[in-house]
Amino acid sequence: MAGKGGKGQLAAKTAARTTAAADVGKEKKNTAVTRSSRAGIQFPVGRIHQHLKMRIAAHGRVGATAAVYTAAILE
């Protein structure tokens, strides 16, 4: 790490070992994965799904993959 008072390499390695030993029995928290990244596209699938739900008359029900297909076509 350069600048702004980062720890030395030796201290970082020691800290990594102690935190790894402490996390043996704990579950790791999953980070959020967007539907766009799952589909491998750039368009925002969640936002397209939101707009599709606003335009539909049947109580806002839209299929789960409808937004993915729409985003793929637009891309």
PDB file of N, CA and C in Angstrom:
ATOM      1  N   MET A   1       0.851  -1.178   0.000  1.00  0.00           N
ATOM      2  CA  MET A   1       0.000   0.000   0.000  1.00  0.00           C
ATOM      3  C   MET A   1       0.885   1.226   0.000  1.00  0.00           C
ATOM      4  N   ALA A   2       0.576   2.131  -0.827  1.00  0.00           N
ATOM      5  CA  ALA A   2       1.381   3.336  -0.904  1.00  0.00           C
ATOM      6  C   ALA A   2       0.619   4.507  -0.302  1.00  0.00           C
ATOM      7  N   GLY A   3       1.333   5.314   0.479  1.00  0.00           N
ATOM      8  CA  GLY A   3       0.765   6.557   0.983  1.00  0.00           C
ATOM      9  C   GLY A   3      -0.248   6.381   2.096  1.00  0.00           C
ATOM     10  N   LYS A   4      -0.549   7.450   2.738  1.00  0.00           N
ATOM     11  CA  LYS A   4      -1.590   7.571   3.760  1.00  0.00           C
ATOM     12  C   LYS A   4      -1.448   6.576   4.906  1.00  0.00           C
ATOM     13  N   GLY A   5      -0.220   6.249   5.291  1.00  0.00           N
ATOM     14  CA  GLY A   5       0.010   5.481   6.508  1.00  0.00           C
ATOM     15  C   GLY A   5      -0.452   4.049   6.484  1.00  0.00           C
ATOM     16  N   GLY A   6      -0.304   3.358   5.368  1.00  0.00           N
ATOM     17  CA  GLY A   6      -0.683   1.958   5.310  1.00  0.00           C
ATOM     18  C   GLY A   6       0.239   1.096   6.147  1.00  0.00           C
ATOM     19  N   LYS A   7      -0.221  -0.076   6.574  1.00  0.00           N
ATOM     20  CA  LYS A   7       0.594  -0.978   7.378  1.00  0.00           C
ATOM     21  C   LYS A   7       1.696  -1.565   6.504  1.00  0.00           C
ATOM     22  N   GLY A   8       2.769  -1.981   7.148  1.00  0.00           N
ATOM     23  CA  GLY A   8       3.843  -2.650   6.433  1.00  0.00           C
ATOM     24  C   GLY A   8       3.407  -4.035   6.001  1.00  0.00           C
ATOM     25  N   GLN A   9       4.176  -4.654   5.120  1.00  0.00           N
ATOM     26  CA  GLN A   9       3.805  -5.969   4.614  1.00  0.00           C
ATOM     27  C   GLN A   9       3.818  -7.026   5.713  1.00  0.00           C
ATOM     28  N   LEU A  10       4.774  -6.956   6.613  1.00  0.00           N
ATOM     29  CA  LEU A  10       4.867  -7.942   7.679  1.00  0.00           C
ATOM     30  C   LEU A  10       3.639  -7.887   8.589  1.00  0.00           C
ATOM     31  N   ALA A  11       3.226  -6.698   8.946  1.00  0.00           N
ATOM     32  CA  ALA A  11       2.055  -6.541   9.810  1.00  0.00           C
ATOM     33  C   ALA A  11       0.789  -6.997   9.100  1.00  0.00           C
ATOM     34  N   ALA A  12       0.705  -6.757   7.799  1.00  0.00           N
ATOM     35  CA  ALA A  12      -0.481  -7.158   7.046  1.00  0.00           C
ATOM     36  C   ALA A  12      -0.588  -8.674   6.974  1.00  0.00           C
ATOM     37  N   LYS A  13       0.551  -9.363   6.795  1.00  0.00           N
ATOM     38  CA  LYS A  13       0.529 -10.822   6.734  1.00  0.00           C
ATOM     39  C   LYS A  13       0.113 -11.418   8.073  1.00  0.00           C
ATOM     40  N   THR A  14       0.612 -10.860   9.157  1.00  0.00           N
ATOM     41  CA  THR A  14       0.267 -11.345  10.487  1.00  0.00           C
ATOM     42  C   THR A  14      -1.216 -11.125  10.770  1.00  0.00           C
ATOM     43  N   ALA A  15      -1.727  -9.960  10.387  1.00  0.00           N
ATOM     44  CA  ALA A  15      -3.141  -9.667  10.599  1.00  0.00           C
ATOM     45  C   ALA A  15      -4.013 -10.597   9.769  1.00  0.00           C
ATOM     46  N   ALA A  16      -3.577 -10.917   8.553  1.00  0.00           N
ATOM     47  CA  ALA A  16      -4.351 -11.813   7.694  1.00  0.00           C
ATOM     48  C   ALA A  16      -4.421 -13.208   8.298  1.00  0.00           C
ATOM     49  N   ARG A  17      -3.329 -13.668   8.902  1.00  0.00           N
ATOM     50  CA  ARG A  17      -3.327 -14.995   9.516  1.00  0.00           C
ATOM     51  C   ARG A  17      -4.261 -15.059  10.717  1.00  0.00           C
ATOM     52  N   THR A  18      -4.252 -14.023  11.535  1.00  0.00           N
ATOM     53  CA  THR A  18      -5.095 -14.043  12.730  1.00  0.00           C
ATOM     54  C   THR A  18      -6.568 -13.943  12.368  1.00  0.00           C
ATOM     55  N   THR A  19      -6.919 -13.146  11.360  1.00  0.00           N
ATOM     56  CA  THR A  19      -8.327 -13.052  10.971  1.00  0.00           C
ATOM     57  C   THR A  19      -8.776 -14.325  10.277  1.00  0.00           C
ATOM     58  N   ALA A  20      -7.888 -14.983   9.530  1.00  0.00           N
ATOM     59  CA  ALA A  20      -8.250 -16.238   8.879  1.00  0.00           C
ATOM     60  C   ALA A  20      -8.493 -17.320   9.925  1.00  0.00           C
ATOM     61  N   ALA A  21      -7.701 -17.332  10.979  1.00  0.00           N
ATOM     62  CA  ALA A  21      -7.876 -18.323  12.038  1.00  0.00           C
ATOM     63  C   ALA A  21      -9.161 -18.060  12.817  1.00  0.00           C
ATOM     64  N   ALA A  22      -9.540 -16.802  12.958  1.00  0.00           N
ATOM     65  CA  ALA A  22     -10.747 -16.463  13.707  1.00  0.00           C
ATOM     66  C   ALA A  22     -12.013 -16.769  12.910  1.00  0.00           C
ATOM     67  N   ASP A  23     -11.910 -16.803  11.582  1.00  0.00           N
ATOM     68  CA  ASP A  23     -13.080 -17.000  10.731  1.00  0.00           C
ATOM     69  C   ASP A  23     -13.300 -18.457  10.345  1.00  0.00           C
ATOM     70  N   VAL A  24     -12.697 -19.397  11.037  1.00  0.00           N
ATOM     71  CA  VAL A  24     -12.793 -20.798  10.655  1.00  0.00           C
ATOM     72  C   VAL A  24     -14.227 -21.299  10.753  1.00  0.00           C
ATOM     73  N   GLY A  25     -14.933 -21.003  11.830  1.00  0.00           N
ATOM     74  CA  GLY A  25     -16.270 -21.528  12.028  1.00  0.00           C
ATOM     75  C   GLY A  25     -17.381 -20.608  11.577  1.00  0.00           C
ATOM     76  N   LYS A  26     -17.050 -19.458  11.016  1.00  0.00           N
ATOM     77  CA  LYS A  26     -18.071 -18.477  10.652  1.00  0.00           C
ATOM     78  C   LYS A  26     -18.477 -18.617   9.188  1.00  0.00           C
ATOM     79  N   GLU A  27     -19.717 -18.259   8.915  1.00  0.00           N
ATOM     80  CA  GLU A  27     -20.184 -18.234   7.533  1.00  0.00           C
ATOM     81  C   GLU A  27     -19.777 -16.919   6.896  1.00  0.00           C
ATOM     82  N   LYS A  28     -19.415 -16.982   5.627  1.00  0.00           N
ATOM     83  CA  LYS A  28     -19.052 -15.756   4.924  1.00  0.00           C
ATOM     84  C   LYS A  28     -20.308 -15.112   4.360  1.00  0.00           C
ATOM     85  N   LYS A  29     -20.366 -13.801   4.450  1.00  0.00           N
ATOM     86  CA  LYS A  29     -21.519 -13.067   3.942  1.00  0.00           C
ATOM     87  C   LYS A  29     -21.360 -12.886   2.437  1.00  0.00           C
ATOM     88  N   ASN A  30     -22.381 -13.273   1.704  1.00  0.00           N
ATOM     89  CA  ASN A  30     -22.325 -13.140   0.252  1.00  0.00           C
ATOM     90  C   ASN A  30     -22.587 -11.702  -0.152  1.00  0.00           C
ATOM     91  N   THR A  31     -21.865 -11.255  -1.158  1.00  0.00           N
ATOM     92  CA  THR A  31     -22.105  -9.919  -1.686  1.00  0.00           C
ATOM     93  C   THR A  31     -23.202  -9.996  -2.736  1.00  0.00           C
ATOM     94  N   ALA A  32     -23.884  -8.899  -2.938  1.00  0.00           N
ATOM     95  CA  ALA A  32     -24.980  -8.858  -3.893  1.00  0.00           C
ATOM     96  C   ALA A  32     -24.443  -8.977  -5.316  1.00  0.00           C
ATOM     97  N   VAL A  33     -25.115  -9.778  -6.134  1.00  0.00           N
ATOM     98  CA  VAL A  33     -24.755  -9.937  -7.542  1.00  0.00           C
ATOM     99  C   VAL A  33     -25.948  -9.470  -8.360  1.00  0.00           C
ATOM    100  N   THR A  34     -25.737  -8.512  -9.238  1.00  0.00           N
ATOM    101  CA  THR A  34     -26.838  -7.958 -10.014  1.00  0.00           C
ATOM    102  C   THR A  34     -27.284  -8.935 -11.092  1.00  0.00           C
ATOM    103  N   ARG A  35     -28.536  -8.789 -11.504  1.00  0.00           N
ATOM    104  CA  ARG A  35     -29.045  -9.640 -12.571  1.00  0.00           C
ATOM    105  C   ARG A  35     -28.363  -9.339 -13.888  1.00  0.00           C
ATOM    106  N   SER A  36     -27.892  -8.100 -14.055  1.00  0.00           N
ATOM    107  CA  SER A  36     -27.157  -7.747 -15.266  1.00  0.00           C
ATOM    108  C   SER A  36     -25.851  -8.523 -15.349  1.00  0.00           C
ATOM    109  N   SER A  37     -25.136  -8.622 -14.243  1.00  0.00           N
ATOM    110  CA  SER A  37     -23.871  -9.354 -14.259  1.00  0.00           C
ATOM    111  C   SER A  37     -24.102 -10.850 -14.416  1.00  0.00           C
ATOM    112  N   ARG A  38     -25.197 -11.368 -13.864  1.00  0.00           N
ATOM    113  CA  ARG A  38     -25.509 -12.786 -14.058  1.00  0.00           C
ATOM    114  C   ARG A  38     -25.809 -13.090 -15.515  1.00  0.00           C
ATOM    115  N   ALA A  39     -26.492 -12.152 -16.184  1.00  0.00           N
ATOM    116  CA  ALA A  39     -26.834 -12.353 -17.586  1.00  0.00           C
ATOM    117  C   ALA A  39     -25.677 -11.997 -18.507  1.00  0.00           C
ATOM    118  N   GLY A  40     -24.665 -11.322 -17.978  1.00  0.00           N
ATOM    119  CA  GLY A  40     -23.508 -10.957 -18.787  1.00  0.00           C
ATOM    120  C   GLY A  40     -23.768  -9.793 -19.717  1.00  0.00           C
ATOM    121  N   ILE A  41     -24.627  -8.871 -19.307  1.00  0.00           N
ATOM    122  CA  ILE A  41     -24.949  -7.709 -20.136  1.00  0.00           C
ATOM    123  C   ILE A  41     -24.725  -6.435 -19.339  1.00  0.00           C
ATOM    124  N   GLN A  42     -24.759  -5.299 -20.043  1.00  0.00           N
ATOM    125  CA  GLN A  42     -24.470  -4.017 -19.414  1.00  0.00           C
ATOM    126  C   GLN A  42     -25.734  -3.275 -18.986  1.00  0.00           C
ATOM    127  N   PHE A  43     -26.840  -3.511 -19.673  1.00  0.00           N
ATOM    128  CA  PHE A  43     -28.065  -2.781 -19.375  1.00  0.00           C
ATOM    129  C   PHE A  43     -28.594  -3.164 -17.990  1.00  0.00           C
ATOM    130  N   PRO A  44     -29.199  -2.230 -17.273  1.00  0.00           N
ATOM    131  CA  PRO A  44     -29.688  -2.512 -15.915  1.00  0.00           C
ATOM    132  C   PRO A  44     -30.989  -3.312 -15.932  1.00  0.00           C
ATOM    133  N   VAL A  45     -30.875  -4.609 -15.708  1.00  0.00           N
ATOM    134  CA  VAL A  45     -32.028  -5.502 -15.771  1.00  0.00           C
ATOM    135  C   VAL A  45     -33.045  -5.147 -14.691  1.00  0.00           C
ATOM    136  N   GLY A  46     -32.591  -4.816 -13.496  1.00  0.00           N
ATOM    137  CA  GLY A  46     -33.503  -4.479 -12.407  1.00  0.00           C
ATOM    138  C   GLY A  46     -34.339  -3.256 -12.704  1.00  0.00           C
ATOM    139  N   ARG A  47     -33.714  -2.256 -13.294  1.00  0.00           N
ATOM    140  CA  ARG A  47     -34.443  -1.030 -13.620  1.00  0.00           C
ATOM    141  C   ARG A  47     -35.444  -1.278 -14.748  1.00  0.00           C
ATOM    142  N   ILE A  48     -35.071  -2.083 -15.738  1.00  0.00           N
ATOM    143  CA  ILE A  48     -36.003  -2.416 -16.822  1.00  0.00           C
ATOM    144  C   ILE A  48     -37.184  -3.195 -16.256  1.00  0.00           C
ATOM    145  N   HIS A  49     -36.927  -4.118 -15.340  1.00  0.00           N
ATOM    146  CA  HIS A  49     -38.004  -4.884 -14.710  1.00  0.00           C
ATOM    147  C   HIS A  49     -38.947  -3.962 -13.944  1.00  0.00           C
ATOM    148  N   GLN A  50     -38.389  -2.985 -13.267  1.00  0.00           N
ATOM    149  CA  GLN A  50     -39.197  -2.017 -12.520  1.00  0.00           C
ATOM    150  C   GLN A  50     -40.110  -1.239 -13.462  1.00  0.00           C
ATOM    151  N   HIS A  51     -39.585  -0.806 -14.604  1.00  0.00           N
ATOM    152  CA  HIS A  51     -40.399  -0.041 -15.548  1.00  0.00           C
ATOM    153  C   HIS A  51     -41.433  -0.924 -16.247  1.00  0.00           C
ATOM    154  N   LEU A  52     -41.098  -2.176 -16.497  1.00  0.00           N
ATOM    155  CA  LEU A  52     -42.082  -3.091 -17.075  1.00  0.00           C
ATOM    156  C   LEU A  52     -43.247  -3.305 -16.106  1.00  0.00           C
ATOM    157  N   LYS A  53     -42.957  -3.411 -14.818  1.00  0.00           N
ATOM    158  CA  LYS A  53     -44.013  -3.604 -13.827  1.00  0.00           C
ATOM    159  C   LYS A  53     -44.915  -2.387 -13.706  1.00  0.00           C
ATOM    160  N   MET A  54     -44.369  -1.204 -13.927  1.00  0.00           N
ATOM    161  CA  MET A  54     -45.196   0.001 -13.847  1.00  0.00           C
ATOM    162  C   MET A  54     -46.166   0.086 -15.016  1.00  0.00           C
ATOM    163  N   ARG A  55     -45.811  -0.494 -16.159  1.00  0.00           N
ATOM    164  CA  ARG A  55     -46.625  -0.373 -17.367  1.00  0.00           C
ATOM    165  C   ARG A  55     -47.668  -1.474 -17.521  1.00  0.00           C
ATOM    166  N   ILE A  56     -47.591  -2.519 -16.739  1.00  0.00           N
ATOM    167  CA  ILE A  56     -48.502  -3.646 -16.905  1.00  0.00           C
ATOM    168  C   ILE A  56     -49.777  -3.405 -16.086  1.00  0.00           C
ATOM    169  N   ALA A  57     -50.907  -3.929 -16.572  1.00  0.00           N
ATOM    170  CA  ALA A  57     -52.187  -3.697 -15.910  1.00  0.00           C
ATOM    171  C   ALA A  57     -52.537  -4.797 -14.909  1.00  0.00           C
ATOM    172  N   ALA A  58     -51.966  -5.989 -15.063  1.00  0.00           N
ATOM    173  CA  ALA A  58     -52.351  -7.138 -14.241  1.00  0.00           C
ATOM    174  C   ALA A  58     -51.596  -7.151 -12.915  1.00  0.00           C
ATOM    175  N   HIS A  59     -51.839  -6.168 -12.084  1.00  0.00           N
ATOM    176  CA  HIS A  59     -51.292  -6.078 -10.733  1.00  0.00           C
ATOM    177  C   HIS A  59     -49.764  -6.099 -10.705  1.00  0.00           C
ATOM    178  N   GLY A  60     -49.123  -5.592 -11.743  1.00  0.00           N
ATOM    179  CA  GLY A  60     -47.669  -5.473 -11.752  1.00  0.00           C
ATOM    180  C   GLY A  60     -46.921  -6.779 -11.846  1.00  0.00           C
ATOM    181  N   ARG A  61     -47.541  -7.815 -12.435  1.00  0.00           N
ATOM    182  CA  ARG A  61     -46.874  -9.111 -12.525  1.00  0.00           C
ATOM    183  C   ARG A  61     -46.162  -9.234 -13.863  1.00  0.00           C
ATOM    184  N   VAL A  62     -44.859  -9.428 -13.785  1.00  0.00           N
ATOM    185  CA  VAL A  62     -44.028  -9.593 -14.971  1.00  0.00           C
ATOM    186  C   VAL A  62     -43.125 -10.790 -14.709  1.00  0.00           C
ATOM    187  N   GLY A  63     -42.907 -11.602 -15.728  1.00  0.00           N
ATOM    188  CA  GLY A  63     -42.042 -12.769 -15.578  1.00  0.00           C
ATOM    189  C   GLY A  63     -40.625 -12.388 -15.173  1.00  0.00           C
ATOM    190  N   ALA A  64     -39.936 -13.310 -14.520  1.00  0.00           N
ATOM    191  CA  ALA A  64     -38.599 -13.027 -14.003  1.00  0.00           C
ATOM    192  C   ALA A  64     -37.586 -12.793 -15.111  1.00  0.00           C
ATOM    193  N   THR A  65     -37.745 -13.491 -16.230  1.00  0.00           N
ATOM    194  CA  THR A  65     -36.756 -13.362 -17.302  1.00  0.00           C
ATOM    195  C   THR A  65     -37.156 -12.357 -18.367  1.00  0.00           C
ATOM    196  N   ALA A  66     -38.341 -11.753 -18.237  1.00  0.00           N
ATOM    197  CA  ALA A  66     -38.788 -10.793 -19.249  1.00  0.00           C
ATOM    198  C   ALA A  66     -37.852  -9.596 -19.321  1.00  0.00           C
ATOM    199  N   ALA A  67     -37.407  -9.109 -18.187  1.00  0.00           N
ATOM    200  CA  ALA A  67     -36.502  -7.963 -18.168  1.00  0.00           C
ATOM    201  C   ALA A  67     -35.128  -8.341 -18.707  1.00  0.00           C
ATOM    202  N   VAL A  68     -34.694  -9.578 -18.479  1.00  0.00           N
ATOM    203  CA  VAL A  68     -33.398 -10.023 -18.993  1.00  0.00           C
ATOM    204  C   VAL A  68     -33.432 -10.071 -20.508  1.00  0.00           C
ATOM    205  N   TYR A  69     -34.494 -10.626 -21.075  1.00  0.00           N
ATOM    206  CA  TYR A  69     -34.625 -10.686 -22.529  1.00  0.00           C
ATOM    207  C   TYR A  69     -34.701  -9.289 -23.122  1.00  0.00           C
ATOM    208  N   THR A  70     -35.470  -8.415 -22.493  1.00  0.00           N
ATOM    209  CA  THR A  70     -35.611  -7.044 -22.992  1.00  0.00           C
ATOM    210  C   THR A  70     -34.275  -6.311 -22.953  1.00  0.00           C
ATOM    211  N   ALA A  71     -33.544  -6.460 -21.879  1.00  0.00           N
ATOM    212  CA  ALA A  71     -32.241  -5.805 -21.764  1.00  0.00           C
ATOM    213  C   ALA A  71     -31.261  -6.347 -22.795  1.00  0.00           C
ATOM    214  N   ALA A  72     -31.321  -7.647 -23.059  1.00  0.00           N
ATOM    215  CA  ALA A  72     -30.429  -8.238 -24.058  1.00  0.00           C
ATOM    216  C   ALA A  72     -30.749  -7.718 -25.452  1.00  0.00           C
ATOM    217  N   ILE A  73     -32.030  -7.553 -25.753  1.00  0.00           N
ATOM    218  CA  ILE A  73     -32.427  -7.025 -27.062  1.00  0.00           C
ATOM    219  C   ILE A  73     -31.990  -5.580 -27.199  1.00  0.00           C
ATOM    220  N   LEU A  74     -32.188  -4.787 -26.152  1.00  0.00           N
ATOM    221  CA  LEU A  74     -31.795  -3.380 -26.203  1.00  0.00           C
ATOM    222  C   LEU A  74     -30.281  -3.218 -26.315  1.00  0.00           C
ATOM    223  N   GLU A  75     -29.550  -4.125 -25.705  1.00  0.00           N
ATOM    224  CA  GLU A  75     -28.095  -4.022 -25.769  1.00  0.00           C
ATOM    225  C   GLU A  75     -27.605  -4.419 -27.139  1.00  0.00           C
TER     226      GLU A  75
END
